[in-house]
């Protein structure tokens, strides 16, 4: 059985979700899709609301480099829509993080990735 790229991406999101939970984050939403973009994970910790991009590549460096400017714009636009729909998070500190994954490596959490 061949594993598709989509299946690998879903697996990466599950790993990232549990990794963040172990670090004390509460996951509020996952795979939040809009017409302007998608957010892999939305979490909060304390007064911070964190929008998380998850990337899986052959190396951690390649995964981090895969979060390009176009991708960041899409996530930011989707985050704006999320905030419009969830007024209960008004006034929270907003942050954009990334969790990058690669085979045979521990996940890496990049705070304030952009």
C-alpha atoms as a PDB file:
ATOM      1  CA  UNK A   1       0.000   0.000   0.000  1.00  0.00           C
ATOM      2  CA  UNK A   2       1.351   3.386  -1.009  1.00  0.00           C
ATOM      3  CA  UNK A   3       0.940   6.303   1.371  1.00  0.00           C
ATOM      4  CA  UNK A   4      -0.178   9.486  -0.380  1.00  0.00           C
ATOM      5  CA  UNK A   5       1.152  12.964   0.272  1.00  0.00           C
ATOM      6  CA  UNK A   6      -2.232  13.897   1.728  1.00  0.00           C
ATOM      7  CA  UNK A   7      -2.077  10.992   4.189  1.00  0.00           C
ATOM      8  CA  UNK A   8       1.444  11.995   5.224  1.00  0.00           C
ATOM      9  CA  UNK A   9       0.216  15.552   5.777  1.00  0.00           C
ATOM     10  CA  UNK A  10      -2.648  14.353   7.978  1.00  0.00           C
ATOM     11  CA  UNK A  11      -0.206  12.216   9.971  1.00  0.00           C
ATOM     12  CA  UNK A  12       2.089  15.226  10.401  1.00  0.00           C
ATOM     13  CA  UNK A  13      -0.818  17.294  11.741  1.00  0.00           C
ATOM     14  CA  UNK A  14      -1.687  14.575  14.274  1.00  0.00           C
ATOM     15  CA  UNK A  15       1.927  14.437  15.463  1.00  0.00           C
ATOM     16  CA  UNK A  16       2.090  18.251  15.676  1.00  0.00           C
ATOM     17  CA  UNK A  17      -1.179  18.391  17.595  1.00  0.00           C
ATOM     18  CA  UNK A  18       0.026  15.930  20.242  1.00  0.00           C
ATOM     19  CA  UNK A  19       3.437  17.590  20.401  1.00  0.00           C
ATOM     20  CA  UNK A  20       1.846  20.969  21.120  1.00  0.00           C
ATOM     21  CA  UNK A  21      -0.475  19.427  23.705  1.00  0.00           C
ATOM     22  CA  UNK A  22       2.559  18.002  25.494  1.00  0.00           C
ATOM     23  CA  UNK A  23       3.954  21.544  25.567  1.00  0.00           C
ATOM     24  CA  UNK A  24       0.802  22.831  27.294  1.00  0.00           C
ATOM     25  CA  UNK A  25      -1.129  24.189  24.315  1.00  0.00           C
ATOM     26  CA  UNK A  26      -4.864  23.654  23.946  1.00  0.00           C
ATOM     27  CA  UNK A  27      -5.949  22.833  20.398  1.00  0.00           C
ATOM     28  CA  UNK A  28      -9.055  24.812  19.453  1.00  0.00           C
ATOM     29  CA  UNK A  29      -9.469  23.843  15.820  1.00  0.00           C
ATOM     30  CA  UNK A  30      -7.756  21.897  13.064  1.00  0.00           C
ATOM     31  CA  UNK A  31      -7.809  22.137   9.274  1.00  0.00           C
ATOM     32  CA  UNK A  32      -9.787  25.406   9.335  1.00  0.00           C
ATOM     33  CA  UNK A  33     -10.601  25.925   5.649  1.00  0.00           C
ATOM     34  CA  UNK A  34     -11.769  29.114   3.963  1.00  0.00           C
ATOM     35  CA  UNK A  35     -11.901  30.374   0.402  1.00  0.00           C
ATOM     36  CA  UNK A  36      -8.718  32.388   1.029  1.00  0.00           C
ATOM     37  CA  UNK A  37      -6.626  29.763   2.783  1.00  0.00           C
ATOM     38  CA  UNK A  38      -6.343  27.029   5.363  1.00  0.00           C
ATOM     39  CA  UNK A  39      -4.912  26.875   8.864  1.00  0.00           C
ATOM     40  CA  UNK A  40      -3.572  23.504   9.957  1.00  0.00           C
ATOM     41  CA  UNK A  41      -3.963  24.014  13.719  1.00  0.00           C
ATOM     42  CA  UNK A  42      -5.335  26.760  15.927  1.00  0.00           C
ATOM     43  CA  UNK A  43      -4.228  26.653  19.535  1.00  0.00           C
ATOM     44  CA  UNK A  44      -4.082  28.799  22.603  1.00  0.00           C
ATOM     45  CA  UNK A  45      -1.895  29.050  25.635  1.00  0.00           C
ATOM     46  CA  UNK A  46      -2.518  31.660  28.255  1.00  0.00           C
ATOM     47  CA  UNK A  47      -3.681  34.846  26.517  1.00  0.00           C
ATOM     48  CA  UNK A  48      -2.126  33.886  23.193  1.00  0.00           C
ATOM     49  CA  UNK A  49      -4.028  32.614  20.167  1.00  0.00           C
ATOM     50  CA  UNK A  50      -1.677  30.715  17.885  1.00  0.00           C
ATOM     51  CA  UNK A  51      -2.189  29.863  14.226  1.00  0.00           C
ATOM     52  CA  UNK A  52       0.060  26.936  13.335  1.00  0.00           C
ATOM     53  CA  UNK A  53       1.357  25.797   9.954  1.00  0.00           C
ATOM     54  CA  UNK A  54       2.547  22.171   9.863  1.00  0.00           C
ATOM     55  CA  UNK A  55       5.106  21.008   7.295  1.00  0.00           C
ATOM     56  CA  UNK A  56       6.609  17.572   6.703  1.00  0.00           C
ATOM     57  CA  UNK A  57       9.601  17.211   4.396  1.00  0.00           C
ATOM     58  CA  UNK A  58      12.741  15.087   4.079  1.00  0.00           C
ATOM     59  CA  UNK A  59      14.647  17.339   6.505  1.00  0.00           C
ATOM     60  CA  UNK A  60      13.642  19.877   9.134  1.00  0.00           C
ATOM     61  CA  UNK A  61      15.392  22.589   7.136  1.00  0.00           C
ATOM     62  CA  UNK A  62      13.442  21.713   3.995  1.00  0.00           C
ATOM     63  CA  UNK A  63      10.212  21.706   6.002  1.00  0.00           C
ATOM     64  CA  UNK A  64      10.925  25.169   7.405  1.00  0.00           C
ATOM     65  CA  UNK A  65      11.863  26.486   3.965  1.00  0.00           C
ATOM     66  CA  UNK A  66       8.570  25.152   2.557  1.00  0.00           C
ATOM     67  CA  UNK A  67       6.670  27.858   4.439  1.00  0.00           C
ATOM     68  CA  UNK A  68       6.941  30.444   1.699  1.00  0.00           C
ATOM     69  CA  UNK A  69       5.551  33.988   1.506  1.00  0.00           C
ATOM     70  CA  UNK A  70       2.458  32.976  -0.469  1.00  0.00           C
ATOM     71  CA  UNK A  71       1.642  30.352   2.167  1.00  0.00           C
ATOM     72  CA  UNK A  72       2.048  32.862   5.002  1.00  0.00           C
ATOM     73  CA  UNK A  73      -0.328  35.296   3.291  1.00  0.00           C
ATOM     74  CA  UNK A  74      -2.978  32.581   2.923  1.00  0.00           C
ATOM     75  CA  UNK A  75      -2.702  31.620   6.586  1.00  0.00           C
ATOM     76  CA  UNK A  76      -2.873  35.250   7.684  1.00  0.00           C
ATOM     77  CA  UNK A  77      -6.024  35.855   5.606  1.00  0.00           C
ATOM     78  CA  UNK A  78      -7.644  32.706   6.963  1.00  0.00           C
ATOM     79  CA  UNK A  79      -6.705  33.835  10.496  1.00  0.00           C
ATOM     80  CA  UNK A  80      -8.469  37.152   9.905  1.00  0.00           C
ATOM     81  CA  UNK A  81     -11.637  35.266   8.931  1.00  0.00           C
ATOM     82  CA  UNK A  82     -11.308  32.999  11.961  1.00  0.00           C
ATOM     83  CA  UNK A  83     -11.107  36.026  14.244  1.00  0.00           C
ATOM     84  CA  UNK A  84     -14.157  37.597  12.581  1.00  0.00           C
ATOM     85  CA  UNK A  85     -16.125  34.395  13.230  1.00  0.00           C
ATOM     86  CA  UNK A  86     -14.830  33.923  16.800  1.00  0.00           C
ATOM     87  CA  UNK A  87     -15.227  37.228  18.582  1.00  0.00           C
ATOM     88  CA  UNK A  88     -14.532  35.534  21.916  1.00  0.00           C
ATOM     89  CA  UNK A  89     -10.822  35.750  21.024  1.00  0.00           C
ATOM     90  CA  UNK A  90     -10.850  39.520  20.563  1.00  0.00           C
ATOM     91  CA  UNK A  91      -8.022  41.100  22.522  1.00  0.00           C
ATOM     92  CA  UNK A  92      -5.823  38.011  22.550  1.00  0.00           C
ATOM     93  CA  UNK A  93      -2.204  38.214  21.524  1.00  0.00           C
ATOM     94  CA  UNK A  94      -1.932  36.659  18.062  1.00  0.00           C
ATOM     95  CA  UNK A  95       1.007  34.560  16.962  1.00  0.00           C
ATOM     96  CA  UNK A  96       1.915  32.574  13.851  1.00  0.00           C
ATOM     97  CA  UNK A  97       3.942  29.444  14.600  1.00  0.00           C
ATOM     98  CA  UNK A  98       5.122  26.448  12.641  1.00  0.00           C
ATOM     99  CA  UNK A  99       5.748  22.837  13.530  1.00  0.00           C
ATOM    100  CA  UNK A 100       8.162  21.205  11.127  1.00  0.00           C
ATOM    101  CA  UNK A 101       8.677  17.471  10.862  1.00  0.00           C
ATOM    102  CA  UNK A 102      11.040  15.126   9.088  1.00  0.00           C
ATOM    103  CA  UNK A 103      11.717  11.383   9.217  1.00  0.00           C
ATOM    104  CA  UNK A 104      13.947  10.293  12.101  1.00  0.00           C
ATOM    105  CA  UNK A 105      13.825  13.727  13.764  1.00  0.00           C
ATOM    106  CA  UNK A 106      11.940  15.186  16.691  1.00  0.00           C
ATOM    107  CA  UNK A 107       9.320  17.766  15.694  1.00  0.00           C
ATOM    108  CA  UNK A 108      10.548  21.331  15.864  1.00  0.00           C
ATOM    109  CA  UNK A 109       8.233  24.096  17.092  1.00  0.00           C
ATOM    110  CA  UNK A 110       9.092  27.492  15.620  1.00  0.00           C
ATOM    111  CA  UNK A 111       7.447  30.235  17.672  1.00  0.00           C
ATOM    112  CA  UNK A 112       6.690  33.481  15.823  1.00  0.00           C
ATOM    113  CA  UNK A 113       7.603  31.823  12.520  1.00  0.00           C
ATOM    114  CA  UNK A 114       6.448  34.983  10.749  1.00  0.00           C
END
